[in-house]
Amino acid sequence: MTAGDSDARPDRSTAMGKRVVVVTIGSVVVFATLVLSLTGVITGNKGAVRRAAPIGSMEGGLTWYRFEVALPGASPGAAFLMAVEAVPGGGNKAVIVNGREELPVTWTGRTDSGCGDDRKAACEFGFDVPAFGTRAAFEQRPQGLFGTLQIQTKSVSTLPIAGFRLSEGLPEMRYPQAPAGATETRAGAEPPDFNRRWALRLGDAATPAVLDIAVSSTDSAVGALVTAKGDLGQLAGRQFGDTLLLSNFDGVRAVALRLKAGASDVATGTLAVSGEPAVAVDATRDDDAVEPAAPPIPDATPAGRRPEILVWLRPWERASAEAVALVKRLGDRHDGLDVTFVAVEGDVEAVKRFAAATGVAVRRAPRADIPVTPVVHLLGTNTPERIGPIASSAVLRAVQGKRLEEWVARAVPVGH
């Protein structure tokens, strides 16, 4: 198996007291037991946070790695876990783990006995996400794995990446050590409570955003962050005293959020997203905060024709691929429904690569000024509807999927 010597780091954090959590998503209240069960973080049961094989189609014998992508203006960067499994007959398969959401990747590399020690050249490893042209290349040294991550979005960006092997895949190991500047909770005192919903203002322009957070009794944390540009996916991380670290790497975008609790339901911090400048964050707890409205989508087909689902995509976003899978299943089940996919950004080769990976025909839009994707137009009824952006977190995406199913049931004639 392409795995080096174990270099597990100690977990230096301390467990906090048990918390009761209620998470608000829009007007829907979801109890923490449900949210934390879906994300693999169960309150009051430290043993429950362990990831047990199988993961997806993986059967066992997993080697776990912790990686961190360096992002300008963020310390630490975007951390994530990866599970690698040897395939009988040679080779490996691997998944990036974000909470309970998993992204299969192609693991590459070679190994020799004793590689990475002082007597032999460093081993070479890497992983690819073929649908998006993402590629990581690193070498193993005695201190760990070091290399670069190449991400292709509107342009190509190259970021430093580093990691080490774990003894097991514990969510706490995403951030195994307290960050600089974190203040521990005094003995006998309650730690700051980050749970529930926060209204965020990003950067000098005070761009609105909404963050839902759930923290377990073991200080593992998950969150869903929605900005005016769309859903940034399911973030995961850990609370260290007055400081919360959350991050996500979905195969094409790295996100790192750091918040430090202030007095009485306020917090400040930094948000870094690959390919964009890091911005300051001001946060206020607000259970009634509403996700920022997406701007209007141009060139929608008028109503009055055969029912159609029109999906606007960016071919370099993982959320776009997930939207294709969600909508394609509906189109395959209903003969009376048209499905159209339109790429609003990306060069010709990127669109072709995306179409081949998702198995659908994708046409390019004549204009590319849609800032939020993927967005779904439901057309061909008396009242056209719009859903967007399709969430890249499983909990939110399930709600949108149900809404699509309900629309199809109304719009498509029985028997089609």
Protein backbone atom coordinates (compact mmCIF):
# COMPACT_ATOMS: atom_id res chain seq x y z
CA MET A 1 0.00 0.00 0.00
CA THR A 2 1.24 3.52 -0.72
CA ALA A 3 1.58 4.54 2.90
CA GLY A 4 4.57 5.73 4.86
CA ASP A 5 5.56 5.23 8.47
CA SER A 6 3.08 6.41 11.05
CA ASP A 7 3.56 9.98 12.19
CA ALA A 8 0.46 10.53 14.29
CA ARG A 9 0.39 13.77 16.28
CA PRO A 10 -0.92 14.04 19.85
CA ASP A 11 -4.36 15.50 20.52
CA ARG A 12 -3.64 18.37 22.92
CA SER A 13 -7.16 19.71 23.32
CA THR A 14 -9.42 19.17 26.30
CA ALA A 15 -13.02 17.97 26.21
CA MET A 16 -15.70 20.50 27.09
CA GLY A 17 -18.96 19.92 28.94
CA LYS A 18 -22.00 18.41 27.27
CA ARG A 19 -24.16 20.85 25.31
CA VAL A 20 -27.76 20.81 24.12
CA VAL A 21 -27.94 22.15 20.57
CA VAL A 22 -30.74 23.39 18.33
CA VAL A 23 -29.77 24.32 14.76
CA THR A 24 -32.03 26.55 12.67
CA ILE A 25 -32.01 26.13 8.88
CA GLY A 26 -34.27 28.74 7.32
CA SER A 27 -37.59 28.37 9.11
CA VAL A 28 -36.93 24.73 9.95
CA VAL A 29 -35.59 23.74 13.37
CA VAL A 30 -33.45 20.60 13.34
CA PHE A 31 -32.52 19.01 16.62
CA ALA A 32 -28.84 18.41 17.18
CA THR A 33 -29.30 14.67 17.47
CA LEU A 34 -30.37 14.54 13.81
CA VAL A 35 -27.77 16.98 12.51
CA LEU A 36 -24.92 15.45 14.45
CA SER A 37 -25.93 11.91 13.51
CA LEU A 38 -25.85 12.84 9.82
CA THR A 39 -22.43 14.41 10.18
CA GLY A 40 -20.82 11.69 12.24
CA VAL A 41 -20.55 13.74 15.44
CA ILE A 42 -22.72 12.32 18.22
CA THR A 43 -23.11 14.33 21.42
CA GLY A 44 -22.14 12.67 24.66
CA ASN A 45 -20.47 9.64 23.07
CA LYS A 46 -16.79 10.05 22.36
CA GLY A 47 -16.52 6.60 20.82
CA ALA A 48 -19.20 7.51 18.26
CA VAL A 49 -16.99 9.99 16.43
CA ARG A 50 -14.80 7.21 15.08
CA ARG A 51 -15.20 6.46 11.40
CA ALA A 52 -15.70 2.73 11.01
CA ALA A 53 -15.12 0.95 7.69
CA PRO A 54 -16.69 0.64 5.24
CA ILE A 55 -16.51 4.19 3.90
CA GLY A 56 -18.64 4.24 0.78
CA SER A 57 -17.48 1.17 -1.15
CA MET A 58 -14.29 0.82 0.88
CA GLU A 59 -14.08 -2.42 2.84
CA GLY A 60 -11.40 -1.86 5.45
CA GLY A 61 -7.65 -1.81 5.97
CA LEU A 62 -7.72 1.97 5.73
CA THR A 63 -4.75 4.27 6.09
CA TRP A 64 -5.73 7.73 7.26
CA TYR A 65 -4.00 11.01 6.44
CA ARG A 66 -4.51 14.53 7.66
CA PHE A 67 -3.74 17.26 5.10
CA GLU A 68 -3.70 21.03 5.32
CA VAL A 69 -3.92 23.38 2.34
CA ALA A 70 -2.13 26.68 2.95
CA LEU A 71 -4.35 29.66 2.14
CA PRO A 72 -3.03 33.26 2.09
CA GLY A 73 -4.33 35.17 5.08
CA ALA A 74 -5.46 32.06 7.00
CA SER A 75 -3.64 30.30 9.81
CA PRO A 76 -4.20 27.40 9.99
CA GLY A 77 -5.36 26.68 6.44
CA ALA A 78 -8.05 24.30 5.17
CA ALA A 79 -7.59 20.91 6.83
CA PHE A 80 -9.20 17.66 5.70
CA LEU A 81 -8.93 13.91 6.25
CA MET A 82 -8.29 11.28 3.58
CA ALA A 83 -8.75 7.53 3.76
CA VAL A 84 -6.67 5.31 1.47
CA GLU A 85 -7.29 1.59 0.94
CA ALA A 86 -5.07 -0.91 -0.86
CA VAL A 87 -6.79 -2.73 -3.73
CA PRO A 88 -6.08 -6.47 -4.09
CA GLY A 89 -3.69 -7.02 -6.95
CA GLY A 90 -2.08 -3.61 -6.61
CA GLY A 91 -3.12 0.02 -6.53
CA ASN A 92 -5.18 2.05 -4.11
CA LYS A 93 -8.47 3.89 -3.85
CA ALA A 94 -9.11 6.89 -1.67
CA VAL A 95 -11.77 9.32 -0.46
CA ILE A 96 -11.61 12.83 0.97
CA VAL A 97 -13.82 12.92 4.07
CA ASN A 98 -15.81 16.06 4.92
CA GLY A 99 -17.99 15.08 7.87
CA ARG A 100 -20.15 12.30 6.41
CA GLU A 101 -19.69 13.54 2.84
CA GLU A 102 -17.03 11.72 0.87
CA LEU A 103 -15.32 12.55 -2.42
CA PRO A 104 -13.67 9.66 -4.28
CA VAL A 105 -10.26 10.62 -5.69
CA THR A 106 -7.54 8.88 -7.66
CA TRP A 107 -4.56 8.13 -5.41
CA THR A 108 -1.21 7.91 -7.19
CA GLY A 109 2.33 7.17 -6.10
CA ARG A 110 4.95 4.59 -5.37
CA THR A 111 6.53 3.16 -2.23
CA ASP A 112 9.74 1.40 -1.27
CA SER A 113 10.74 -0.24 1.97
CA GLY A 114 12.12 2.44 4.26
CA CYS A 115 11.21 5.26 1.92
CA GLY A 116 11.43 8.70 3.40
CA ASP A 117 14.25 7.87 5.80
CA ASP A 118 17.77 9.28 5.62
CA ARG A 119 19.09 6.42 3.49
CA LYS A 120 16.66 6.57 0.57
CA ALA A 121 15.11 9.15 -1.68
CA ALA A 122 11.72 10.50 -0.64
CA CYS A 123 8.65 8.66 -1.90
CA GLU A 124 6.38 10.45 -4.37
CA PHE A 125 2.62 10.54 -3.81
CA GLY A 126 -0.38 12.43 -5.05
CA PHE A 127 -4.07 12.41 -5.82
CA ASP A 128 -6.21 13.64 -8.70
CA VAL A 129 -9.84 14.72 -9.06
CA PRO A 130 -10.17 14.04 -12.81
CA ALA A 131 -13.57 15.70 -13.36
CA PHE A 132 -12.22 19.07 -12.25
CA GLY A 133 -8.56 18.85 -13.25
CA THR A 134 -7.43 19.09 -9.60
CA ARG A 135 -4.05 17.54 -8.90
CA ALA A 136 -1.91 17.18 -5.79
CA ALA A 137 1.72 16.06 -5.83
CA PHE A 138 3.85 15.62 -2.73
CA GLU A 139 6.79 13.64 -1.42
CA GLN A 140 7.26 11.87 1.87
CA ARG A 141 9.98 13.10 4.18
CA PRO A 142 10.74 12.06 7.75
CA GLN A 143 8.58 14.98 8.96
CA GLY A 144 5.57 14.11 6.80
CA LEU A 145 4.18 14.74 3.30
CA PHE A 146 4.93 18.03 1.53
CA GLY A 147 4.01 19.31 -1.92
CA THR A 148 1.60 21.40 -3.96
CA LEU A 149 -2.10 21.36 -4.81
CA GLN A 150 -3.14 22.62 -8.26
CA ILE A 151 -6.75 23.82 -8.53
CA GLN A 152 -8.38 24.78 -11.84
CA THR A 153 -11.27 27.22 -11.50
CA LYS A 154 -11.52 30.40 -13.56
CA SER A 155 -7.73 30.28 -13.51
CA VAL A 156 -5.13 27.83 -12.24
CA SER A 157 -3.90 28.35 -8.67
CA THR A 158 -1.14 26.41 -6.96
CA LEU A 159 -1.14 26.14 -3.16
CA PRO A 160 1.23 24.44 -0.69
CA ILE A 161 -0.11 21.25 0.88
CA ALA A 162 1.29 19.25 3.79
CA GLY A 163 0.13 16.24 5.75
CA PHE A 164 0.95 13.28 7.93
CA ARG A 165 -0.33 9.79 8.56
CA LEU A 166 -2.81 9.22 11.40
CA SER A 167 -3.21 6.25 13.69
CA GLU A 168 -6.98 6.35 13.02
CA GLY A 169 -9.53 8.61 11.37
CA LEU A 170 -10.80 10.72 14.27
CA PRO A 171 -12.58 13.97 13.36
CA GLU A 172 -10.60 15.71 16.12
CA MET A 173 -7.45 15.06 14.10
CA ARG A 174 -8.58 17.49 11.41
CA TYR A 175 -7.16 20.13 13.79
CA PRO A 176 -5.12 18.15 16.34
CA GLN A 177 -3.53 21.13 18.12
CA ALA A 178 -4.85 24.41 19.48
CA PRO A 179 -4.18 27.35 17.14
CA ALA A 180 -2.09 30.33 18.18
CA GLY A 181 -4.15 32.94 19.98
CA ALA A 182 -6.82 30.56 21.30
CA THR A 183 -7.72 31.13 24.97
CA GLU A 184 -8.52 28.05 27.04
CA THR A 185 -11.62 28.03 29.21
CA ARG A 186 -10.88 28.57 32.90
CA ALA A 187 -11.41 25.59 35.17
CA GLY A 188 -15.02 25.44 36.34
CA ALA A 189 -16.22 27.90 33.67
CA GLU A 190 -18.43 27.16 30.68
CA PRO A 191 -16.77 27.54 27.25
CA PRO A 192 -18.25 29.99 24.72
CA ASP A 193 -21.27 28.51 22.98
CA PHE A 194 -20.94 28.67 19.18
CA ASN A 195 -24.05 26.61 18.47
CA ARG A 196 -27.05 27.66 16.37
CA ARG A 197 -27.22 30.32 13.62
CA TRP A 198 -25.01 33.34 13.03
CA ALA A 199 -25.40 36.34 10.75
CA LEU A 200 -22.03 37.20 9.16
CA ARG A 201 -20.65 40.31 7.49
CA LEU A 202 -17.68 39.61 5.23
CA GLY A 203 -14.92 42.10 4.36
CA ASP A 204 -15.00 45.86 4.01
CA ALA A 205 -18.20 45.66 1.96
CA ALA A 206 -19.98 43.84 4.83
CA THR A 207 -21.26 41.19 2.40
CA PRO A 208 -23.99 39.19 4.19
CA ALA A 209 -23.70 35.47 4.93
CA VAL A 210 -25.32 32.95 7.27
CA LEU A 211 -23.55 30.21 9.25
CA ASP A 212 -25.21 27.28 11.06
CA ILE A 213 -22.96 25.59 13.62
CA ALA A 214 -23.24 22.44 15.74
CA VAL A 215 -20.53 21.54 18.29
CA SER A 216 -20.46 18.16 20.01
CA SER A 217 -19.46 17.39 23.59
CA THR A 218 -16.05 16.32 22.25
CA ASP A 219 -15.62 19.76 20.59
CA SER A 220 -15.89 18.42 17.05
CA ALA A 221 -17.83 20.94 14.99
CA VAL A 222 -19.75 21.06 11.71
CA GLY A 223 -21.26 24.03 9.94
CA ALA A 224 -23.05 25.10 6.76
CA LEU A 225 -21.99 28.49 5.35
CA VAL A 226 -24.15 30.30 2.77
CA THR A 227 -22.97 33.56 1.20
CA ALA A 228 -24.32 35.79 -1.55
CA LYS A 229 -22.20 33.70 -3.95
CA GLY A 230 -23.79 30.45 -2.85
CA ASP A 231 -23.31 27.57 -0.44
CA LEU A 232 -19.68 26.94 0.58
CA GLY A 233 -20.39 23.38 1.59
CA GLN A 234 -20.30 21.42 4.83
CA LEU A 235 -17.46 22.75 6.95
CA ALA A 236 -15.95 20.67 9.74
CA GLY A 237 -13.41 21.27 12.46
CA ARG A 238 -13.06 21.86 16.17
CA GLN A 239 -13.55 24.30 19.02
CA PHE A 240 -10.54 25.23 21.15
CA GLY A 241 -11.73 27.30 24.10
CA ASP A 242 -12.87 30.64 22.66
CA THR A 243 -11.77 29.82 19.09
CA LEU A 244 -13.58 27.81 16.42
CA LEU A 245 -11.84 26.40 13.33
CA LEU A 246 -13.91 25.11 10.40
CA SER A 247 -12.77 24.11 6.93
CA ASN A 248 -13.67 22.21 3.80
CA PHE A 249 -11.88 20.91 0.72
CA ASP A 250 -14.40 19.58 -1.79
CA GLY A 251 -11.92 18.67 -4.50
CA VAL A 252 -12.01 22.03 -6.31
CA ARG A 253 -12.17 24.64 -3.57
CA ALA A 254 -10.50 25.02 -0.17
CA VAL A 255 -12.29 27.01 2.56
CA ALA A 256 -10.99 27.95 6.02
CA LEU A 257 -13.06 29.86 8.62
CA ARG A 258 -11.73 31.01 11.99
CA LEU A 259 -13.97 32.63 14.62
CA LYS A 260 -13.05 33.96 18.06
CA ALA A 261 -15.88 34.47 20.53
CA GLY A 262 -16.40 37.94 21.96
CA ALA A 263 -18.83 39.27 24.52
CA SER A 264 -22.53 38.36 24.39
CA ASP A 265 -23.23 36.55 21.13
CA VAL A 266 -20.66 38.21 18.89
CA ALA A 267 -17.53 36.83 17.25
CA THR A 268 -14.82 37.99 14.87
CA GLY A 269 -12.46 36.15 12.57
CA THR A 270 -11.27 35.44 9.05
CA LEU A 271 -12.67 33.60 6.02
CA ALA A 272 -10.26 32.35 3.34
CA VAL A 273 -11.39 30.73 0.09
CA SER A 274 -8.90 29.46 -2.50
CA GLY A 275 -8.56 31.85 -5.41
CA GLU A 276 -9.94 34.79 -3.43
CA PRO A 277 -8.40 37.23 -0.93
CA ALA A 278 -9.03 36.41 2.73
CA VAL A 279 -11.63 38.67 4.35
CA ALA A 280 -12.41 39.74 7.90
CA VAL A 281 -15.57 38.31 9.47
CA ASP A 282 -17.93 39.95 11.98
CA ALA A 283 -20.55 37.57 13.37
CA THR A 284 -23.66 38.02 15.50
CA ARG A 285 -25.80 35.17 16.78
CA ASP A 286 -29.19 35.44 15.10
CA ASP A 287 -31.55 32.45 14.93
CA ASP A 288 -33.76 34.37 12.50
CA ALA A 289 -31.00 35.28 10.03
CA VAL A 290 -32.05 34.66 6.43
CA GLU A 291 -29.69 33.42 3.71
CA PRO A 292 -28.74 36.26 1.35
CA ALA A 293 -30.83 36.35 -1.80
CA ALA A 294 -29.13 35.27 -5.00
CA PRO A 295 -29.20 37.84 -7.81
CA PRO A 296 -31.70 37.33 -10.67
CA ILE A 297 -30.68 34.80 -13.29
CA PRO A 298 -30.80 36.10 -16.89
CA ASP A 299 -32.12 34.44 -20.04
CA ALA A 300 -34.69 32.14 -18.46
CA THR A 301 -36.93 30.33 -20.95
CA PRO A 302 -40.55 31.61 -20.69
CA ALA A 303 -43.32 29.44 -19.31
CA GLY A 304 -46.01 27.72 -21.38
CA ARG A 305 -44.01 24.92 -22.97
CA ARG A 306 -43.15 21.33 -22.08
CA PRO A 307 -41.94 21.08 -18.44
CA GLU A 308 -38.20 21.67 -18.29
CA ILE A 309 -35.51 21.80 -15.64
CA LEU A 310 -32.85 24.29 -16.77
CA VAL A 311 -29.63 24.08 -14.77
CA TRP A 312 -26.96 26.79 -14.89
CA LEU A 313 -23.53 25.37 -14.03
CA ARG A 314 -19.93 26.26 -13.53
CA PRO A 315 -17.98 23.21 -14.75
CA TRP A 316 -15.28 23.64 -12.11
CA GLU A 317 -17.58 23.42 -9.08
CA ARG A 318 -18.24 20.21 -7.23
CA ALA A 319 -21.71 21.51 -6.39
CA SER A 320 -22.39 21.67 -10.14
CA ALA A 321 -21.59 17.97 -10.51
CA GLU A 322 -23.89 17.18 -7.60
CA ALA A 323 -26.68 19.26 -9.17
CA VAL A 324 -26.29 17.26 -12.41
CA ALA A 325 -26.62 13.97 -10.51
CA LEU A 326 -29.68 15.24 -8.64
CA VAL A 327 -31.50 16.55 -11.72
CA LYS A 328 -30.38 13.79 -14.12
CA ARG A 329 -32.13 11.17 -11.97
CA LEU A 330 -35.41 13.08 -12.33
CA GLY A 331 -35.02 13.36 -16.11
CA ASP A 332 -34.29 9.65 -16.44
CA ARG A 333 -37.48 8.75 -14.53
CA HIS A 334 -39.90 11.06 -16.38
CA ASP A 335 -40.33 10.95 -20.18
CA GLY A 336 -42.45 14.10 -20.13
CA LEU A 337 -39.66 16.21 -18.64
CA ASP A 338 -36.87 18.03 -20.49
CA VAL A 339 -33.55 18.64 -18.78
CA THR A 340 -31.00 21.17 -20.04
CA PHE A 341 -27.53 21.88 -18.63
CA VAL A 342 -25.77 25.16 -19.44
CA ALA A 343 -22.17 26.03 -18.54
CA VAL A 344 -21.84 29.74 -17.80
CA GLU A 345 -18.08 29.70 -17.25
CA GLY A 346 -15.09 27.63 -18.24
CA ASP A 347 -13.12 27.10 -21.43
CA VAL A 348 -14.18 24.59 -24.06
CA GLU A 349 -11.91 21.83 -22.74
CA ALA A 350 -13.15 22.33 -19.18
CA VAL A 351 -16.76 22.00 -20.35
CA LYS A 352 -15.94 18.86 -22.36
CA ARG A 353 -14.14 17.32 -19.37
CA PHE A 354 -17.08 18.11 -17.09
CA ALA A 355 -19.61 16.70 -19.57
CA ALA A 356 -17.62 13.48 -19.99
CA ALA A 357 -17.29 13.02 -16.22
CA THR A 358 -20.99 13.64 -15.50
CA GLY A 359 -22.36 11.83 -18.56
CA VAL A 360 -24.60 14.65 -19.81
CA ALA A 361 -24.63 17.10 -22.71
CA VAL A 362 -23.61 20.59 -21.62
CA ARG A 363 -23.91 23.65 -23.83
CA ARG A 364 -22.09 26.90 -23.22
CA ALA A 365 -24.02 30.05 -22.37
CA PRO A 366 -23.74 33.12 -24.58
CA ARG A 367 -23.07 35.19 -21.47
CA ALA A 368 -21.14 34.47 -18.29
CA ASP A 369 -22.31 37.00 -15.72
CA ILE A 370 -24.21 34.62 -13.44
CA PRO A 371 -22.36 34.89 -10.11
CA VAL A 372 -24.21 32.11 -8.31
CA THR A 373 -24.26 28.53 -9.58
CA PRO A 374 -25.61 25.99 -9.87
CA VAL A 375 -29.08 27.49 -10.15
CA VAL A 376 -32.12 25.52 -11.31
CA HIS A 377 -35.03 27.02 -13.24
CA LEU A 378 -38.27 25.04 -13.20
CA LEU A 379 -40.04 26.00 -16.42
CA GLY A 380 -43.09 25.12 -18.49
CA THR A 381 -45.82 25.70 -15.89
CA ASN A 382 -48.00 28.72 -15.26
CA THR A 383 -45.62 29.87 -12.52
CA PRO A 384 -41.94 29.22 -13.28
CA GLU A 385 -39.89 28.59 -10.16
CA ARG A 386 -36.24 28.84 -9.31
CA ILE A 387 -34.13 26.82 -6.89
CA GLY A 388 -30.60 27.86 -6.32
CA PRO A 389 -27.91 27.48 -5.61
CA ILE A 390 -28.05 23.70 -5.17
CA ALA A 391 -26.38 23.11 -1.81
CA SER A 392 -23.16 21.13 -1.59
CA SER A 393 -24.00 19.95 1.93
CA ALA A 394 -26.08 16.79 2.17
CA VAL A 395 -28.63 18.07 4.70
CA LEU A 396 -29.55 21.19 2.73
CA ARG A 397 -29.39 19.38 -0.62
CA ALA A 398 -31.95 16.81 0.59
CA VAL A 399 -34.46 19.60 1.25
CA GLN A 400 -33.95 20.99 -2.26
CA GLY A 401 -34.23 17.53 -3.80
CA LYS A 402 -37.61 17.06 -2.14
CA ARG A 403 -38.78 20.40 -3.57
CA LEU A 404 -37.72 19.31 -7.06
CA GLU A 405 -39.61 16.03 -6.70
CA GLU A 406 -42.74 17.90 -5.61
CA TRP A 407 -42.51 20.27 -8.60
CA VAL A 408 -42.12 17.38 -11.06
CA ALA A 409 -45.15 15.66 -9.52
CA ARG A 410 -47.22 18.79 -10.21
CA ALA A 411 -45.79 19.74 -13.62
CA VAL A 412 -45.38 16.41 -15.43
CA PRO A 413 -48.59 14.67 -16.59
CA VAL A 414 -49.38 11.34 -14.96
CA GLY A 415 -47.95 8.42 -16.93
CA HIS A 416 -44.88 10.27 -18.20
